[in-house]
Amino acid sequence: MRLLDIWMRSAAALMLLSGAAFADVTVSQSNDPSVSLGGQLSALLGAERNALGTLPAQRLEQVAAAVARPEAKPEAPVKAVATKGNRGAKAADDAPAPRYDEAWLASQPATAKDSDEWKCLATALYFEARGESIQGQFAVAEVIMNRVDRPGYPGSICGVVRQGGQFSFMFDGKPETIREKAAFQRAGKIAALMLAGAPRQLTQGATHFHTRAVRPGWAHRFPRTAAIGAHLFYRQPGGS
């Protein structure tokens, strides 16, 4: 039985090795192509049986073992899918998806303090949204970052924040004095997370916002995308 088993596996191996020859067998153009094909197959199997008969038993075992234990192909490494991230940001997998609560934000390190972009974003969040929830401050940060990425706006955070007539704290005539240290620390952590590539998942690409207490002229022309806290968010139509 063992010899028969070895012979059968060896035959299978030779059939695999001779696959190219078998693939070349074509159907006859006669009215009964199965007759020609069956004859060619019988001849092929007979030739393989004769070839097996000339091999020593040790070689037969080696051939049979190769069939029983085919070499496994190494799995290709999973490649990271490149996505279009925020301008100047790290890869998305470097930034944690934010949780909009005080405890989570408190556990995050404050980074990028030496960056002008970080300072501009943190300052804008402090003066424009420090009275909002964590979620509300992230939403305002999204608007600023969306403008940076959008044609028709300055290509930097500082340029967007300082653009004339856009953010009230920049042209209200009051000095930009940081008095609430804890509030600025929260704003700074949010700014750092956004600069690190945190996903913008709150405002659906909003480029504008205003408080519920006012109704600017553009509000009826822009589609509203979100309402968070005291702010309503809108996306400017078109690409500019």
C-alpha atoms as a PDB file:
ATOM      1  CA  MET A   1       0.000   0.000   0.000  1.00  0.00           C
ATOM      2  CA  ARG A   2       2.844   2.393   0.815  1.00  0.00           C
ATOM      3  CA  LEU A   3       4.458   1.783  -2.582  1.00  0.00           C
ATOM      4  CA  LEU A   4       1.134   2.386  -4.310  1.00  0.00           C
ATOM      5  CA  ASP A   5       0.632   5.581  -2.361  1.00  0.00           C
ATOM      6  CA  ILE A   6       4.117   6.811  -3.308  1.00  0.00           C
ATOM      7  CA  TRP A   7       3.497   5.903  -6.947  1.00  0.00           C
ATOM      8  CA  MET A   8       0.193   7.764  -7.028  1.00  0.00           C
ATOM      9  CA  ARG A   9       1.646  10.925  -5.471  1.00  0.00           C
ATOM     10  CA  SER A  10       4.643  10.735  -7.789  1.00  0.00           C
ATOM     11  CA  ALA A  11       2.329  10.465 -10.731  1.00  0.00           C
ATOM     12  CA  ALA A  12       0.495  13.516  -9.554  1.00  0.00           C
ATOM     13  CA  ALA A  13       3.789  15.364  -9.270  1.00  0.00           C
ATOM     14  CA  LEU A  14       4.812  14.466 -12.775  1.00  0.00           C
ATOM     15  CA  MET A  15       1.429  15.530 -14.069  1.00  0.00           C
ATOM     16  CA  LEU A  16       1.963  18.897 -12.441  1.00  0.00           C
ATOM     17  CA  LEU A  17       5.462  19.150 -13.879  1.00  0.00           C
ATOM     18  CA  SER A  18       4.210  18.230 -17.301  1.00  0.00           C
ATOM     19  CA  GLY A  19       1.352  20.715 -17.124  1.00  0.00           C
ATOM     20  CA  ALA A  20       2.735  22.679 -20.018  1.00  0.00           C
ATOM     21  CA  ALA A  21       2.663  19.622 -22.247  1.00  0.00           C
ATOM     22  CA  PHE A  22      -0.872  18.801 -21.194  1.00  0.00           C
ATOM     23  CA  ALA A  23      -1.937  22.346 -21.833  1.00  0.00           C
ATOM     24  CA  ASP A  24      -0.737  21.991 -25.393  1.00  0.00           C
ATOM     25  CA  VAL A  25      -3.161  19.141 -26.065  1.00  0.00           C
ATOM     26  CA  THR A  26      -5.802  20.617 -28.329  1.00  0.00           C
ATOM     27  CA  VAL A  27      -9.219  19.337 -29.257  1.00  0.00           C
ATOM     28  CA  SER A  28      -9.338  17.564 -32.608  1.00  0.00           C
ATOM     29  CA  GLN A  29     -11.215  19.191 -35.423  1.00  0.00           C
ATOM     30  CA  SER A  30     -13.023  15.885 -36.128  1.00  0.00           C
ATOM     31  CA  ASN A  31     -16.735  15.438 -35.478  1.00  0.00           C
ATOM     32  CA  ASP A  32     -15.950  13.600 -32.196  1.00  0.00           C
ATOM     33  CA  PRO A  33     -13.091  15.519 -30.531  1.00  0.00           C
ATOM     34  CA  SER A  34     -13.347  13.475 -27.320  1.00  0.00           C
ATOM     35  CA  VAL A  35     -11.933  10.427 -29.118  1.00  0.00           C
ATOM     36  CA  SER A  36      -8.700  12.184 -30.080  1.00  0.00           C
ATOM     37  CA  LEU A  37      -8.373  13.866 -26.693  1.00  0.00           C
ATOM     38  CA  GLY A  38      -8.901  10.595 -24.832  1.00  0.00           C
ATOM     39  CA  GLY A  39      -6.228   8.889 -26.885  1.00  0.00           C
ATOM     40  CA  GLN A  40      -3.719  11.648 -26.303  1.00  0.00           C
ATOM     41  CA  LEU A  41      -4.462  11.593 -22.563  1.00  0.00           C
ATOM     42  CA  SER A  42      -3.999   7.821 -22.392  1.00  0.00           C
ATOM     43  CA  ALA A  43      -0.686   8.101 -24.226  1.00  0.00           C
ATOM     44  CA  LEU A  44       0.464  10.826 -21.899  1.00  0.00           C
ATOM     45  CA  LEU A  45      -0.406   8.821 -18.764  1.00  0.00           C
ATOM     46  CA  GLY A  46       1.282   5.738 -20.191  1.00  0.00           C
ATOM     47  CA  ALA A  47       4.483   7.713 -20.819  1.00  0.00           C
ATOM     48  CA  GLU A  48       4.411   9.024 -17.264  1.00  0.00           C
ATOM     49  CA  ARG A  49       3.908   5.506 -15.855  1.00  0.00           C
ATOM     50  CA  ASN A  50       6.909   4.263 -17.800  1.00  0.00           C
ATOM     51  CA  ALA A  51       8.981   7.200 -16.569  1.00  0.00           C
ATOM     52  CA  LEU A  52       8.043   6.458 -12.973  1.00  0.00           C
ATOM     53  CA  GLY A  53       9.116   2.866 -13.393  1.00  0.00           C
ATOM     54  CA  THR A  54      12.687   3.928 -14.109  1.00  0.00           C
ATOM     55  CA  LEU A  55      13.013   6.003 -10.905  1.00  0.00           C
ATOM     56  CA  PRO A  56      14.477   4.476  -7.709  1.00  0.00           C
ATOM     57  CA  ALA A  57      12.209   4.242  -4.654  1.00  0.00           C
ATOM     58  CA  GLN A  58      14.084   7.019  -2.792  1.00  0.00           C
ATOM     59  CA  ARG A  59      13.534   9.443  -5.686  1.00  0.00           C
ATOM     60  CA  LEU A  60       9.876   8.475  -5.835  1.00  0.00           C
ATOM     61  CA  GLU A  61       9.517   9.328  -2.128  1.00  0.00           C
ATOM     62  CA  GLN A  62      11.165  12.703  -2.699  1.00  0.00           C
ATOM     63  CA  VAL A  63       8.816  13.536  -5.570  1.00  0.00           C
ATOM     64  CA  ALA A  64       5.793  12.389  -3.573  1.00  0.00           C
ATOM     65  CA  ALA A  65       6.852  14.460  -0.557  1.00  0.00           C
ATOM     66  CA  ALA A  66       7.084  17.551  -2.755  1.00  0.00           C
ATOM     67  CA  VAL A  67       3.450  17.052  -3.747  1.00  0.00           C
ATOM     68  CA  ALA A  68       2.285  16.365  -0.181  1.00  0.00           C
ATOM     69  CA  ARG A  69       4.042  19.405   1.250  1.00  0.00           C
ATOM     70  CA  PRO A  70       4.076  22.171  -1.370  1.00  0.00           C
ATOM     71  CA  GLU A  71       6.221  25.127  -0.476  1.00  0.00           C
ATOM     72  CA  ALA A  72       4.063  27.890   0.968  1.00  0.00           C
ATOM     73  CA  LYS A  73       4.397  31.238  -0.686  1.00  0.00           C
ATOM     74  CA  PRO A  74       5.226  34.059   1.710  1.00  0.00           C
ATOM     75  CA  GLU A  75       2.353  36.438   2.260  1.00  0.00           C
ATOM     76  CA  ALA A  76       2.843  39.854   0.766  1.00  0.00           C
ATOM     77  CA  PRO A  77       3.138  42.546   3.411  1.00  0.00           C
ATOM     78  CA  VAL A  78       0.088  44.723   3.803  1.00  0.00           C
ATOM     79  CA  LYS A  79       0.922  48.109   2.411  1.00  0.00           C
ATOM     80  CA  ALA A  80      -0.381  51.210   4.063  1.00  0.00           C
ATOM     81  CA  VAL A  81      -2.905  52.975   1.883  1.00  0.00           C
ATOM     82  CA  ALA A  82      -1.837  56.485   1.185  1.00  0.00           C
ATOM     83  CA  THR A  83      -4.575  58.990   1.706  1.00  0.00           C
ATOM     84  CA  LYS A  84      -4.749  62.625   1.024  1.00  0.00           C
ATOM     85  CA  GLY A  85      -4.030  64.157   4.428  1.00  0.00           C
ATOM     86  CA  ASN A  86      -4.131  67.651   5.773  1.00  0.00           C
ATOM     87  CA  ARG A  87      -1.625  70.072   4.269  1.00  0.00           C
ATOM     88  CA  GLY A  88       1.652  69.848   6.185  1.00  0.00           C
ATOM     89  CA  ALA A  89       0.280  67.167   8.499  1.00  0.00           C
ATOM     90  CA  LYS A  90       1.755  63.809   9.439  1.00  0.00           C
ATOM     91  CA  ALA A  91       0.271  60.569   8.218  1.00  0.00           C
ATOM     92  CA  ALA A  92      -3.242  59.957   9.477  1.00  0.00           C
ATOM     93  CA  ASP A  93      -2.162  56.900  11.489  1.00  0.00           C
ATOM     94  CA  ASP A  94       0.184  59.095  13.518  1.00  0.00           C
ATOM     95  CA  ALA A  95      -2.711  61.077  14.968  1.00  0.00           C
ATOM     96  CA  PRO A  96      -5.320  59.542  17.292  1.00  0.00           C
ATOM     97  CA  ALA A  97      -8.960  59.934  16.368  1.00  0.00           C
ATOM     98  CA  PRO A  98     -10.175  62.552  18.818  1.00  0.00           C
ATOM     99  CA  ARG A  99     -12.629  61.931  21.609  1.00  0.00           C
ATOM    100  CA  TYR A 100     -14.473  65.073  22.459  1.00  0.00           C
ATOM    101  CA  ASP A 101     -14.280  65.033  26.234  1.00  0.00           C
ATOM    102  CA  GLU A 102     -12.172  66.757  28.876  1.00  0.00           C
ATOM    103  CA  ALA A 103     -10.627  63.589  30.315  1.00  0.00           C
ATOM    104  CA  TRP A 104      -9.347  62.371  26.963  1.00  0.00           C
ATOM    105  CA  LEU A 105      -8.005  65.773  25.954  1.00  0.00           C
ATOM    106  CA  ALA A 106      -6.249  66.154  29.318  1.00  0.00           C
ATOM    107  CA  SER A 107      -4.388  62.894  28.645  1.00  0.00           C
ATOM    108  CA  GLN A 108      -2.967  64.184  25.347  1.00  0.00           C
ATOM    109  CA  PRO A 109       0.502  65.758  25.241  1.00  0.00           C
ATOM    110  CA  ALA A 110       0.835  69.373  24.200  1.00  0.00           C
ATOM    111  CA  THR A 111       3.248  69.514  21.259  1.00  0.00           C
ATOM    112  CA  ALA A 112       4.281  71.873  18.436  1.00  0.00           C
ATOM    113  CA  LYS A 113       4.597  74.814  20.839  1.00  0.00           C
ATOM    114  CA  ASP A 114       7.504  76.225  18.895  1.00  0.00           C
ATOM    115  CA  SER A 115       5.515  76.369  15.671  1.00  0.00           C
ATOM    116  CA  ASP A 116       4.045  79.643  14.411  1.00  0.00           C
ATOM    117  CA  GLU A 117       1.213  77.660  12.844  1.00  0.00           C
ATOM    118  CA  TRP A 118       0.419  76.054  16.207  1.00  0.00           C
ATOM    119  CA  LYS A 119       0.420  79.423  17.952  1.00  0.00           C
ATOM    120  CA  CYS A 120      -1.889  80.988  15.352  1.00  0.00           C
ATOM    121  CA  LEU A 121      -4.359  78.097  15.528  1.00  0.00           C
ATOM    122  CA  ALA A 122      -4.317  77.875  19.325  1.00  0.00           C
ATOM    123  CA  THR A 123      -4.798  81.640  19.650  1.00  0.00           C
ATOM    124  CA  ALA A 124      -7.729  81.619  17.213  1.00  0.00           C
ATOM    125  CA  LEU A 125      -9.401  78.793  19.126  1.00  0.00           C
ATOM    126  CA  TYR A 126      -8.878  80.592  22.419  1.00  0.00           C
ATOM    127  CA  PHE A 127     -10.438  83.868  21.317  1.00  0.00           C
ATOM    128  CA  GLU A 128     -13.105  82.484  18.987  1.00  0.00           C
ATOM    129  CA  ALA A 129     -14.249  79.341  20.812  1.00  0.00           C
ATOM    130  CA  ARG A 130     -12.859  78.947  24.331  1.00  0.00           C
ATOM    131  CA  GLY A 131     -16.395  79.107  25.755  1.00  0.00           C
ATOM    132  CA  GLU A 132     -17.445  76.165  23.571  1.00  0.00           C
ATOM    133  CA  SER A 133     -17.283  72.476  24.349  1.00  0.00           C
ATOM    134  CA  ILE A 134     -14.283  70.411  23.286  1.00  0.00           C
ATOM    135  CA  GLN A 135     -16.282  69.329  20.252  1.00  0.00           C
ATOM    136  CA  GLY A 136     -17.146  72.923  19.436  1.00  0.00           C
ATOM    137  CA  GLN A 137     -13.490  73.957  19.554  1.00  0.00           C
ATOM    138  CA  PHE A 138     -12.483  71.090  17.282  1.00  0.00           C
ATOM    139  CA  ALA A 139     -15.209  72.217  14.864  1.00  0.00           C
ATOM    140  CA  VAL A 140     -13.823  75.758  14.687  1.00  0.00           C
ATOM    141  CA  ALA A 141     -10.342  74.295  14.134  1.00  0.00           C
ATOM    142  CA  GLU A 142     -11.723  72.297  11.210  1.00  0.00           C
ATOM    143  CA  VAL A 143     -12.963  75.489   9.558  1.00  0.00           C
ATOM    144  CA  ILE A 144      -9.514  77.071   9.741  1.00  0.00           C
ATOM    145  CA  MET A 145      -7.796  73.948   8.412  1.00  0.00           C
ATOM    146  CA  ASN A 146     -10.373  73.586   5.630  1.00  0.00           C
ATOM    147  CA  ARG A 147      -9.667  77.139   4.502  1.00  0.00           C
ATOM    148  CA  VAL A 148      -5.933  76.436   4.373  1.00  0.00           C
ATOM    149  CA  ASP A 149      -6.615  73.562   1.975  1.00  0.00           C
ATOM    150  CA  ARG A 150      -9.115  75.466  -0.169  1.00  0.00           C
ATOM    151  CA  PRO A 151      -8.259  77.597  -3.214  1.00  0.00           C
ATOM    152  CA  GLY A 152      -8.955  81.272  -2.726  1.00  0.00           C
ATOM    153  CA  TYR A 153      -7.659  81.366   0.858  1.00  0.00           C
ATOM    154  CA  PRO A 154      -4.132  81.819   2.220  1.00  0.00           C
ATOM    155  CA  GLY A 155      -2.088  78.629   2.177  1.00  0.00           C
ATOM    156  CA  SER A 156      -1.117  78.754   5.854  1.00  0.00           C
ATOM    157  CA  ILE A 157      -2.932  78.772   9.172  1.00  0.00           C
ATOM    158  CA  CYS A 158      -1.490  82.138  10.155  1.00  0.00           C
ATOM    159  CA  GLY A 159      -2.487  83.562   6.784  1.00  0.00           C
ATOM    160  CA  VAL A 160      -6.074  82.350   7.224  1.00  0.00           C
ATOM    161  CA  VAL A 161      -6.347  83.627  10.806  1.00  0.00           C
ATOM    162  CA  ARG A 162      -4.911  87.029   9.914  1.00  0.00           C
ATOM    163  CA  GLN A 163      -6.920  87.496   6.738  1.00  0.00           C
ATOM    164  CA  GLY A 164      -8.761  90.789   6.970  1.00  0.00           C
ATOM    165  CA  GLY A 165     -12.313  90.806   8.272  1.00  0.00           C
ATOM    166  CA  GLN A 166     -12.516  87.057   8.929  1.00  0.00           C
ATOM    167  CA  PHE A 167     -11.961  86.475  12.650  1.00  0.00           C
ATOM    168  CA  SER A 168     -13.331  89.105  14.980  1.00  0.00           C
ATOM    169  CA  PHE A 169     -10.561  88.985  17.575  1.00  0.00           C
ATOM    170  CA  MET A 170      -8.084  90.116  14.927  1.00  0.00           C
ATOM    171  CA  PHE A 171      -9.819  93.423  14.208  1.00  0.00           C
ATOM    172  CA  ASP A 172     -11.759  94.291  17.385  1.00  0.00           C
ATOM    173  CA  GLY A 173      -9.073  96.707  18.519  1.00  0.00           C
ATOM    174  CA  LYS A 174      -8.385  94.816  21.750  1.00  0.00           C
ATOM    175  CA  PRO A 175      -4.982  93.394  22.736  1.00  0.00           C
ATOM    176  CA  GLU A 176      -4.677  89.628  22.361  1.00  0.00           C
ATOM    177  CA  THR A 177      -3.932  88.874  25.974  1.00  0.00           C
ATOM    178  CA  ILE A 178      -4.185  85.290  27.201  1.00  0.00           C
ATOM    179  CA  ARG A 179      -5.682  85.434  30.718  1.00  0.00           C
ATOM    180  CA  GLU A 180      -7.233  81.986  31.071  1.00  0.00           C
ATOM    181  CA  LYS A 181      -4.261  79.625  31.098  1.00  0.00           C
ATOM    182  CA  ALA A 182      -6.284  76.417  31.370  1.00  0.00           C
ATOM    183  CA  ALA A 183      -8.463  77.430  28.420  1.00  0.00           C
ATOM    184  CA  PHE A 184      -5.404  78.214  26.325  1.00  0.00           C
ATOM    185  CA  GLN A 185      -3.847  74.878  27.271  1.00  0.00           C
ATOM    186  CA  ARG A 186      -6.955  73.084  25.973  1.00  0.00           C
ATOM    187  CA  ALA A 187      -6.887  75.136  22.788  1.00  0.00           C
ATOM    188  CA  GLY A 188      -3.191  74.355  22.386  1.00  0.00           C
ATOM    189  CA  LYS A 189      -3.776  70.614  22.635  1.00  0.00           C
ATOM    190  CA  ILE A 190      -6.570  70.768  20.081  1.00  0.00           C
ATOM    191  CA  ALA A 191      -4.326  72.784  17.758  1.00  0.00           C
ATOM    192  CA  ALA A 192      -1.522  70.249  18.150  1.00  0.00           C
ATOM    193  CA  LEU A 193      -3.859  67.349  17.347  1.00  0.00           C
ATOM    194  CA  MET A 194      -5.176  69.077  14.249  1.00  0.00           C
ATOM    195  CA  LEU A 195      -1.664  69.829  13.035  1.00  0.00           C
ATOM    196  CA  ALA A 196      -0.787  66.162  13.586  1.00  0.00           C
ATOM    197  CA  GLY A 197      -3.537  65.144  11.164  1.00  0.00           C
ATOM    198  CA  ALA A 198      -6.576  64.489  13.353  1.00  0.00           C
ATOM    199  CA  PRO A 199      -9.546  63.661  11.098  1.00  0.00           C
ATOM    200  CA  ARG A 200     -12.000  66.441  10.328  1.00  0.00           C
ATOM    201  CA  GLN A 201     -15.238  64.642  10.981  1.00  0.00           C
ATOM    202  CA  LEU A 202     -17.554  67.239  12.509  1.00  0.00           C
ATOM    203  CA  THR A 203     -18.374  69.937   9.969  1.00  0.00           C
ATOM    204  CA  GLN A 204     -18.382  68.240   6.546  1.00  0.00           C
ATOM    205  CA  GLY A 205     -15.830  70.582   5.027  1.00  0.00           C
ATOM    206  CA  ALA A 206     -17.197  73.803   6.537  1.00  0.00           C
ATOM    207  CA  THR A 207     -15.409  77.021   5.652  1.00  0.00           C
ATOM    208  CA  HIS A 208     -17.536  79.472   7.664  1.00  0.00           C
ATOM    209  CA  PHE A 209     -19.271  79.701  11.016  1.00  0.00           C
ATOM    210  CA  HIS A 210     -21.128  82.242  13.104  1.00  0.00           C
ATOM    211  CA  THR A 211     -22.839  82.383  16.471  1.00  0.00           C
ATOM    212  CA  ARG A 212     -26.564  81.858  16.766  1.00  0.00           C
ATOM    213  CA  ALA A 213     -26.910  85.465  17.885  1.00  0.00           C
ATOM    214  CA  VAL A 214     -26.094  86.905  14.446  1.00  0.00           C
ATOM    215  CA  ARG A 215     -27.185  86.308  10.864  1.00  0.00           C
ATOM    216  CA  PRO A 216     -24.525  87.361   8.343  1.00  0.00           C
ATOM    217  CA  GLY A 217     -25.555  88.059   4.770  1.00  0.00           C
ATOM    218  CA  TRP A 218     -23.752  85.036   3.326  1.00  0.00           C
ATOM    219  CA  ALA A 219     -25.539  82.551   5.606  1.00  0.00           C
ATOM    220  CA  HIS A 220     -28.563  82.178   3.310  1.00  0.00           C
ATOM    221  CA  ARG A 221     -26.324  81.462   0.299  1.00  0.00           C
ATOM    222  CA  PHE A 222     -24.088  78.791   1.841  1.00  0.00           C
ATOM    223  CA  PRO A 223     -25.323  75.306   2.724  1.00  0.00           C
ATOM    224  CA  ARG A 224     -25.316  74.675   6.459  1.00  0.00           C
ATOM    225  CA  THR A 225     -23.295  71.605   7.411  1.00  0.00           C
ATOM    226  CA  ALA A 226     -23.463  71.455  11.215  1.00  0.00           C
ATOM    227  CA  ALA A 227     -24.796  73.076  14.360  1.00  0.00           C
ATOM    228  CA  ILE A 228     -22.530  72.615  17.386  1.00  0.00           C
ATOM    229  CA  GLY A 229     -22.956  74.539  20.598  1.00  0.00           C
ATOM    230  CA  ALA A 230     -23.371  78.256  19.969  1.00  0.00           C
ATOM    231  CA  HIS A 231     -22.072  78.047  16.395  1.00  0.00           C
ATOM    232  CA  LEU A 232     -23.607  77.219  13.030  1.00  0.00           C
ATOM    233  CA  PHE A 233     -21.293  75.933  10.295  1.00  0.00           C
ATOM    234  CA  TYR A 234     -21.465  76.400   6.532  1.00  0.00           C
ATOM    235  CA  ARG A 235     -19.530  75.301   3.464  1.00  0.00           C
ATOM    236  CA  GLN A 236     -18.772  77.837   0.785  1.00  0.00           C
ATOM    237  CA  PRO A 237     -20.071  76.629  -2.602  1.00  0.00           C
ATOM    238  CA  GLY A 238     -17.701  76.105  -5.480  1.00  0.00           C
ATOM    239  CA  GLY A 239     -13.936  75.788  -5.373  1.00  0.00           C
ATOM    240  CA  SER A 240     -12.937  79.275  -4.332  1.00  0.00           C
END
